[in-house]
Amino acid sequence: MPDFPQTQKTRIHRLPKRGHYDRETIYQIIDEALICHVGFVENGQPFVIPTNFARVEDTIILHGAPASRMLKHIAAGNPVCIETTIVDGLVLARSVFHHSVNYRSVVLFGTGRLLEDDQEKMAALKAVVEHLIPGRWSEARLPNPKELDATLVVSIKIDEASAKLRTGLPGDDEEDYALPLWAGVLPLQILPQAPIRDERLPAETPVPAYVASYKR
């Protein structure tokens, strides 16, 4: 897969060594993240909306209510900016100035279109569900025609994208290494807790394997 081109919008200027433009790195981050933030401008007013999503090849899938300002903006073919970040750790240096965060982030730009064909909409909704929890789509009741009509689904072609990553230990000023302070990284990750049963679920209903073994 070819790299995304470095453009005026995507080129990393601050600490450029942390920038990545290859699809493999960018798509790995997108696929691991649960939530993205969609930025757009309407009538001169900027908005940033958090939402769940899915990636299908070189597109981002979003869905929601037909009244959604964000989805109507995208369905009309207007440009959007989408960002997602995964926090991997807190970087604790000896000085406050050099504290940081280990992270993996992606910023992408594209324009969208409305998905109107029912088969295409169902495939897109499946991608969103499977992105959140693989295995659920084949077990849960699928949307009926009324629910499908009440759901707006859009696809955004990824035209430009870049990733920025920070990894590793803190970097202190040389004179601060003599300070008697703990320094290092506190790793962070999303870990599922014990599943909580719906109170109306029959007691004999087992927890599905894809829930019991869930991980990002």
C-alpha atoms as a PDB file:
ATOM      1  CA  MET A   1       0.000   0.000   0.000  1.00  0.00           C
ATOM      2  CA  PRO A   2       1.426   3.393  -0.932  1.00  0.00           C
ATOM      3  CA  ASP A   3       2.055   5.982   1.766  1.00  0.00           C
ATOM      4  CA  PHE A   4      -0.217   8.971   2.096  1.00  0.00           C
ATOM      5  CA  PRO A   5       1.456  12.048   0.608  1.00  0.00           C
ATOM      6  CA  GLN A   6       2.814  14.666   2.967  1.00  0.00           C
ATOM      7  CA  THR A   7       0.677  17.727   2.376  1.00  0.00           C
ATOM      8  CA  GLN A   8       0.370  21.155   3.924  1.00  0.00           C
ATOM      9  CA  LYS A   9      -2.408  19.810   6.146  1.00  0.00           C
ATOM     10  CA  THR A  10      -0.832  16.522   7.214  1.00  0.00           C
ATOM     11  CA  ARG A  11       2.929  17.177   7.403  1.00  0.00           C
ATOM     12  CA  ILE A  12       4.192  16.974  11.001  1.00  0.00           C
ATOM     13  CA  HIS A  13       6.123  20.157  11.789  1.00  0.00           C
ATOM     14  CA  ARG A  14       6.571  19.854  15.560  1.00  0.00           C
ATOM     15  CA  LEU A  15       8.958  16.921  16.202  1.00  0.00           C
ATOM     16  CA  PRO A  16       8.726  15.596  12.629  1.00  0.00           C
ATOM     17  CA  LYS A  17      10.545  12.359  13.556  1.00  0.00           C
ATOM     18  CA  ARG A  18       7.351  11.289  15.295  1.00  0.00           C
ATOM     19  CA  GLY A  19       5.373  11.560  12.075  1.00  0.00           C
ATOM     20  CA  HIS A  20       4.284   8.542  10.033  1.00  0.00           C
ATOM     21  CA  TYR A  21       2.541   8.528   6.664  1.00  0.00           C
ATOM     22  CA  ASP A  22       2.346   4.822   5.835  1.00  0.00           C
ATOM     23  CA  ARG A  23      -1.082   3.217   5.703  1.00  0.00           C
ATOM     24  CA  GLU A  24      -0.057   0.282   7.892  1.00  0.00           C
ATOM     25  CA  THR A  25       0.772   2.493  10.895  1.00  0.00           C
ATOM     26  CA  ILE A  26      -2.184   4.817  10.337  1.00  0.00           C
ATOM     27  CA  TYR A  27      -4.711   2.014   9.908  1.00  0.00           C
ATOM     28  CA  GLN A  28      -3.442   0.060  12.922  1.00  0.00           C
ATOM     29  CA  ILE A  29      -4.114   3.090  15.123  1.00  0.00           C
ATOM     30  CA  ILE A  30      -7.536   3.730  13.578  1.00  0.00           C
ATOM     31  CA  ASP A  31      -8.554   0.092  13.972  1.00  0.00           C
ATOM     32  CA  GLU A  32      -7.533  -0.085  17.634  1.00  0.00           C
ATOM     33  CA  ALA A  33      -9.286   3.128  18.684  1.00  0.00           C
ATOM     34  CA  LEU A  34     -12.885   2.996  19.905  1.00  0.00           C
ATOM     35  CA  ILE A  35     -13.830   6.667  19.493  1.00  0.00           C
ATOM     36  CA  CYS A  36     -12.939   9.322  16.944  1.00  0.00           C
ATOM     37  CA  HIS A  37     -13.565  13.070  16.941  1.00  0.00           C
ATOM     38  CA  VAL A  38     -15.089  14.613  13.830  1.00  0.00           C
ATOM     39  CA  GLY A  39     -14.344  18.269  13.137  1.00  0.00           C
ATOM     40  CA  PHE A  40     -16.366  20.371  10.708  1.00  0.00           C
ATOM     41  CA  VAL A  41     -17.454  23.966  10.134  1.00  0.00           C
ATOM     42  CA  GLU A  42     -21.062  25.004   9.630  1.00  0.00           C
ATOM     43  CA  ASN A  43     -21.976  28.630   8.929  1.00  0.00           C
ATOM     44  CA  GLY A  44     -18.596  29.738  10.207  1.00  0.00           C
ATOM     45  CA  GLN A  45     -18.966  27.878  13.517  1.00  0.00           C
ATOM     46  CA  PRO A  46     -16.519  25.008  14.189  1.00  0.00           C
ATOM     47  CA  PHE A  47     -17.777  21.825  15.853  1.00  0.00           C
ATOM     48  CA  VAL A  48     -15.989  18.716  17.128  1.00  0.00           C
ATOM     49  CA  ILE A  49     -18.165  15.666  17.772  1.00  0.00           C
ATOM     50  CA  PRO A  50     -17.016  12.400  19.424  1.00  0.00           C
ATOM     51  CA  THR A  51     -18.509   9.236  17.930  1.00  0.00           C
ATOM     52  CA  ASN A  52     -17.880   5.558  17.328  1.00  0.00           C
ATOM     53  CA  PHE A  53     -16.901   4.487  13.853  1.00  0.00           C
ATOM     54  CA  ALA A  54     -15.325   1.846  11.645  1.00  0.00           C
ATOM     55  CA  ARG A  55     -12.760   1.747   8.878  1.00  0.00           C
ATOM     56  CA  VAL A  56     -13.557  -0.106   5.665  1.00  0.00           C
ATOM     57  CA  GLU A  57     -10.470  -0.100   3.420  1.00  0.00           C
ATOM     58  CA  ASP A  58      -9.765   3.579   2.673  1.00  0.00           C
ATOM     59  CA  THR A  59     -13.000   4.933   4.147  1.00  0.00           C
ATOM     60  CA  ILE A  60     -14.413   5.824   7.561  1.00  0.00           C
ATOM     61  CA  ILE A  61     -17.997   4.801   8.365  1.00  0.00           C
ATOM     62  CA  LEU A  62     -20.195   6.890  10.679  1.00  0.00           C
ATOM     63  CA  HIS A  63     -23.852   6.461  11.582  1.00  0.00           C
ATOM     64  CA  GLY A  64     -26.542   8.088  13.685  1.00  0.00           C
ATOM     65  CA  ALA A  65     -29.881   9.855  13.670  1.00  0.00           C
ATOM     66  CA  PRO A  66     -31.045  11.605  10.466  1.00  0.00           C
ATOM     67  CA  ALA A  67     -31.266  14.849  12.464  1.00  0.00           C
ATOM     68  CA  SER A  68     -27.528  14.795  13.203  1.00  0.00           C
ATOM     69  CA  ARG A  69     -25.949  18.082  12.136  1.00  0.00           C
ATOM     70  CA  MET A  70     -22.610  16.314  11.656  1.00  0.00           C
ATOM     71  CA  LEU A  71     -24.007  13.527   9.467  1.00  0.00           C
ATOM     72  CA  LYS A  72     -26.057  15.911   7.333  1.00  0.00           C
ATOM     73  CA  HIS A  73     -22.903  17.999   6.794  1.00  0.00           C
ATOM     74  CA  ILE A  74     -20.969  14.909   5.691  1.00  0.00           C
ATOM     75  CA  ALA A  75     -23.806  13.531   3.550  1.00  0.00           C
ATOM     76  CA  ALA A  76     -23.820  16.791   1.592  1.00  0.00           C
ATOM     77  CA  GLY A  77     -20.237  16.128   0.499  1.00  0.00           C
ATOM     78  CA  ASN A  78     -18.588  18.721   2.711  1.00  0.00           C
ATOM     79  CA  PRO A  79     -14.999  18.284   3.965  1.00  0.00           C
ATOM     80  CA  VAL A  80     -14.290  17.004   7.472  1.00  0.00           C
ATOM     81  CA  CYS A  81     -11.282  16.385   9.696  1.00  0.00           C
ATOM     82  CA  ILE A  82     -11.231  13.249  11.857  1.00  0.00           C
ATOM     83  CA  GLU A  83      -8.868  12.567  14.769  1.00  0.00           C
ATOM     84  CA  THR A  84      -8.327   9.616  17.063  1.00  0.00           C
ATOM     85  CA  THR A  85      -5.801   9.060  19.856  1.00  0.00           C
ATOM     86  CA  ILE A  86      -4.697   6.085  21.934  1.00  0.00           C
ATOM     87  CA  VAL A  87      -2.918   6.918  25.197  1.00  0.00           C
ATOM     88  CA  ASP A  88      -0.224   4.340  26.035  1.00  0.00           C
ATOM     89  CA  GLY A  89       1.362   5.842  29.141  1.00  0.00           C
ATOM     90  CA  LEU A  90       2.190   8.805  31.345  1.00  0.00           C
ATOM     91  CA  VAL A  91       5.806   9.929  31.009  1.00  0.00           C
ATOM     92  CA  LEU A  92       7.073  11.203  34.377  1.00  0.00           C
ATOM     93  CA  ALA A  93      10.286  13.162  34.130  1.00  0.00           C
ATOM     94  CA  ARG A  94      12.346  14.713  36.917  1.00  0.00           C
ATOM     95  CA  SER A  95      11.234  18.159  35.832  1.00  0.00           C
ATOM     96  CA  VAL A  96       7.662  19.239  35.195  1.00  0.00           C
ATOM     97  CA  PHE A  97       8.772  20.759  31.893  1.00  0.00           C
ATOM     98  CA  HIS A  98       9.712  17.361  30.457  1.00  0.00           C
ATOM     99  CA  HIS A  99       6.624  15.421  31.563  1.00  0.00           C
ATOM    100  CA  SER A 100       4.789  13.970  28.596  1.00  0.00           C
ATOM    101  CA  VAL A 101       2.418  11.261  27.369  1.00  0.00           C
ATOM    102  CA  ASN A 102       3.150   8.228  25.231  1.00  0.00           C
ATOM    103  CA  TYR A 103       0.475   8.142  22.562  1.00  0.00           C
ATOM    104  CA  ARG A 104      -0.484   7.122  19.038  1.00  0.00           C
ATOM    105  CA  SER A 105      -2.683   9.509  17.091  1.00  0.00           C
ATOM    106  CA  VAL A 106      -4.059   9.966  13.597  1.00  0.00           C
ATOM    107  CA  VAL A 107      -5.456  13.042  11.874  1.00  0.00           C
ATOM    108  CA  LEU A 108      -7.176  12.529   8.519  1.00  0.00           C
ATOM    109  CA  PHE A 109      -9.060  14.641   6.023  1.00  0.00           C
ATOM    110  CA  GLY A 110     -11.733  13.625   3.556  1.00  0.00           C
ATOM    111  CA  THR A 111     -15.169  14.180   2.112  1.00  0.00           C
ATOM    112  CA  GLY A 112     -18.179  11.971   2.590  1.00  0.00           C
ATOM    113  CA  ARG A 113     -21.239  10.618   0.882  1.00  0.00           C
ATOM    114  CA  LEU A 114     -24.575   9.279   2.019  1.00  0.00           C
ATOM    115  CA  LEU A 115     -25.098   5.527   1.828  1.00  0.00           C
ATOM    116  CA  GLU A 116     -28.608   4.975   0.496  1.00  0.00           C
ATOM    117  CA  ASP A 117     -28.624   1.374  -0.732  1.00  0.00           C
ATOM    118  CA  ASP A 118     -29.916  -0.920   2.030  1.00  0.00           C
ATOM    119  CA  GLN A 119     -27.307  -3.603   1.387  1.00  0.00           C
ATOM    120  CA  GLU A 120     -24.517  -1.036   1.508  1.00  0.00           C
ATOM    121  CA  LYS A 121     -25.941   0.438   4.719  1.00  0.00           C
ATOM    122  CA  MET A 122     -26.171  -2.969   6.363  1.00  0.00           C
ATOM    123  CA  ALA A 123     -22.576  -3.798   5.420  1.00  0.00           C
ATOM    124  CA  ALA A 124     -21.440  -0.464   6.864  1.00  0.00           C
ATOM    125  CA  LEU A 125     -23.376  -0.972  10.109  1.00  0.00           C
ATOM    126  CA  LYS A 126     -21.888  -4.453  10.411  1.00  0.00           C
ATOM    127  CA  ALA A 127     -18.421  -2.907  10.142  1.00  0.00           C
ATOM    128  CA  VAL A 128     -19.214  -0.474  12.987  1.00  0.00           C
ATOM    129  CA  VAL A 129     -20.528  -3.229  15.282  1.00  0.00           C
ATOM    130  CA  GLU A 130     -17.635  -5.554  14.492  1.00  0.00           C
ATOM    131  CA  HIS A 131     -15.163  -2.724  15.097  1.00  0.00           C
ATOM    132  CA  LEU A 132     -16.542  -2.284  18.611  1.00  0.00           C
ATOM    133  CA  ILE A 133     -16.900  -5.969  19.508  1.00  0.00           C
ATOM    134  CA  PRO A 134     -16.078  -8.647  16.922  1.00  0.00           C
ATOM    135  CA  GLY A 135     -18.608 -11.480  16.828  1.00  0.00           C
ATOM    136  CA  ARG A 136     -21.633  -9.484  17.963  1.00  0.00           C
ATOM    137  CA  TRP A 137     -23.194  -8.884  14.546  1.00  0.00           C
ATOM    138  CA  SER A 138     -23.744 -12.586  13.850  1.00  0.00           C
ATOM    139  CA  GLU A 139     -25.535 -13.075  17.200  1.00  0.00           C
ATOM    140  CA  ALA A 140     -27.640  -9.963  17.786  1.00  0.00           C
ATOM    141  CA  ARG A 141     -30.919  -9.150  16.020  1.00  0.00           C
ATOM    142  CA  LEU A 142     -30.157  -7.168  12.889  1.00  0.00           C
ATOM    143  CA  PRO A 143     -31.831  -3.839  12.049  1.00  0.00           C
ATOM    144  CA  ASN A 144     -35.333  -4.151  10.632  1.00  0.00           C
ATOM    145  CA  PRO A 145     -36.502  -1.933   7.731  1.00  0.00           C
ATOM    146  CA  LYS A 146     -37.950   0.696  10.084  1.00  0.00           C
ATOM    147  CA  GLU A 147     -34.710   0.911  12.085  1.00  0.00           C
ATOM    148  CA  LEU A 148     -32.637   1.014   8.920  1.00  0.00           C
ATOM    149  CA  ASP A 149     -34.724   3.910   7.567  1.00  0.00           C
ATOM    150  CA  ALA A 150     -34.235   5.734  10.878  1.00  0.00           C
ATOM    151  CA  THR A 151     -30.442   5.481  10.634  1.00  0.00           C
ATOM    152  CA  LEU A 152     -28.242   7.789   8.562  1.00  0.00           C
ATOM    153  CA  VAL A 153     -24.999   6.172   7.404  1.00  0.00           C
ATOM    154  CA  VAL A 154     -22.146   8.001   5.694  1.00  0.00           C
ATOM    155  CA  SER A 155     -18.823   6.950   4.228  1.00  0.00           C
ATOM    156  CA  ILE A 156     -15.824   9.288   4.244  1.00  0.00           C
ATOM    157  CA  LYS A 157     -13.009   8.650   1.795  1.00  0.00           C
ATOM    158  CA  ILE A 158      -9.620   9.183   3.455  1.00  0.00           C
ATOM    159  CA  ASP A 159      -7.888  11.652   1.115  1.00  0.00           C
ATOM    160  CA  GLU A 160      -5.029  12.735   3.403  1.00  0.00           C
ATOM    161  CA  ALA A 161      -3.750  11.329   6.686  1.00  0.00           C
ATOM    162  CA  SER A 162      -0.796  11.251   9.028  1.00  0.00           C
ATOM    163  CA  ALA A 163       0.038   9.623  12.351  1.00  0.00           C
ATOM    164  CA  LYS A 164       2.104  10.975  15.226  1.00  0.00           C
ATOM    165  CA  LEU A 165       3.571   8.767  17.944  1.00  0.00           C
ATOM    166  CA  ARG A 166       5.518   9.254  21.136  1.00  0.00           C
ATOM    167  CA  THR A 167       7.174   6.249  22.775  1.00  0.00           C
ATOM    168  CA  GLY A 168       9.906   5.633  25.313  1.00  0.00           C
ATOM    169  CA  LEU A 169      11.257   7.096  28.522  1.00  0.00           C
ATOM    170  CA  PRO A 170      11.462  10.732  29.653  1.00  0.00           C
ATOM    171  CA  GLY A 171      14.288  12.943  28.533  1.00  0.00           C
ATOM    172  CA  ASP A 172      15.525  15.205  31.319  1.00  0.00           C
ATOM    173  CA  ASP A 173      18.085  17.975  31.331  1.00  0.00           C
ATOM    174  CA  GLU A 174      21.483  16.526  32.231  1.00  0.00           C
ATOM    175  CA  GLU A 175      21.726  18.394  35.530  1.00  0.00           C
ATOM    176  CA  ASP A 176      18.336  17.002  36.655  1.00  0.00           C
ATOM    177  CA  TYR A 177      19.446  13.351  36.551  1.00  0.00           C
ATOM    178  CA  ALA A 178      21.046  13.852  39.973  1.00  0.00           C
ATOM    179  CA  LEU A 179      17.695  14.751  41.574  1.00  0.00           C
ATOM    180  CA  PRO A 180      16.412  12.064  44.015  1.00  0.00           C
ATOM    181  CA  LEU A 181      13.099  11.695  42.147  1.00  0.00           C
ATOM    182  CA  TRP A 182      11.431   8.678  40.563  1.00  0.00           C
ATOM    183  CA  ALA A 183      11.202   8.997  36.804  1.00  0.00           C
ATOM    184  CA  GLY A 184       9.864   6.664  34.145  1.00  0.00           C
ATOM    185  CA  VAL A 185       6.657   5.641  32.378  1.00  0.00           C
ATOM    186  CA  LEU A 186       3.328   4.574  33.858  1.00  0.00           C
ATOM    187  CA  PRO A 187       1.818   2.366  31.107  1.00  0.00           C
ATOM    188  CA  LEU A 188      -1.923   2.676  30.446  1.00  0.00           C
ATOM    189  CA  GLN A 189      -4.315   0.550  28.427  1.00  0.00           C
ATOM    190  CA  ILE A 190      -8.016  -0.226  28.075  1.00  0.00           C
ATOM    191  CA  LEU A 191      -8.828  -3.363  30.045  1.00  0.00           C
ATOM    192  CA  PRO A 192     -12.321  -4.894  30.158  1.00  0.00           C
ATOM    193  CA  GLN A 193     -13.847  -5.569  33.565  1.00  0.00           C
ATOM    194  CA  ALA A 194     -16.164  -8.442  34.518  1.00  0.00           C
ATOM    195  CA  PRO A 195     -19.322  -8.358  32.350  1.00  0.00           C
ATOM    196  CA  ILE A 196     -22.476  -7.044  34.077  1.00  0.00           C
ATOM    197  CA  ARG A 197     -25.583  -9.052  33.221  1.00  0.00           C
ATOM    198  CA  ASP A 198     -28.808  -7.384  32.174  1.00  0.00           C
ATOM    199  CA  GLU A 199     -31.236  -7.881  35.069  1.00  0.00           C
ATOM    200  CA  ARG A 200     -33.838  -9.333  32.677  1.00  0.00           C
ATOM    201  CA  LEU A 201     -31.409 -11.876  31.225  1.00  0.00           C
ATOM    202  CA  PRO A 202     -32.273 -15.509  32.099  1.00  0.00           C
ATOM    203  CA  ALA A 203     -29.788 -16.867  34.602  1.00  0.00           C
ATOM    204  CA  GLU A 204     -28.837 -19.783  32.369  1.00  0.00           C
ATOM    205  CA  THR A 205     -27.749 -17.529  29.475  1.00  0.00           C
ATOM    206  CA  PRO A 206     -23.954 -17.855  29.178  1.00  0.00           C
ATOM    207  CA  VAL A 207     -21.561 -15.001  28.576  1.00  0.00           C
ATOM    208  CA  PRO A 208     -20.463 -15.198  24.898  1.00  0.00           C
ATOM    209  CA  ALA A 209     -16.828 -16.063  24.296  1.00  0.00           C
ATOM    210  CA  TYR A 210     -16.282 -12.804  22.405  1.00  0.00           C
ATOM    211  CA  VAL A 211     -17.376 -10.909  25.537  1.00  0.00           C
ATOM    212  CA  ALA A 212     -15.469 -13.030  28.041  1.00  0.00           C
ATOM    213  CA  SER A 213     -12.224 -12.780  26.055  1.00  0.00           C
ATOM    214  CA  TYR A 214     -12.655  -9.208  24.795  1.00  0.00           C
ATOM    215  CA  LYS A 215      -9.557  -7.074  24.341  1.00  0.00           C
ATOM    216  CA  ARG A 216      -8.383  -4.210  22.189  1.00  0.00           C
END
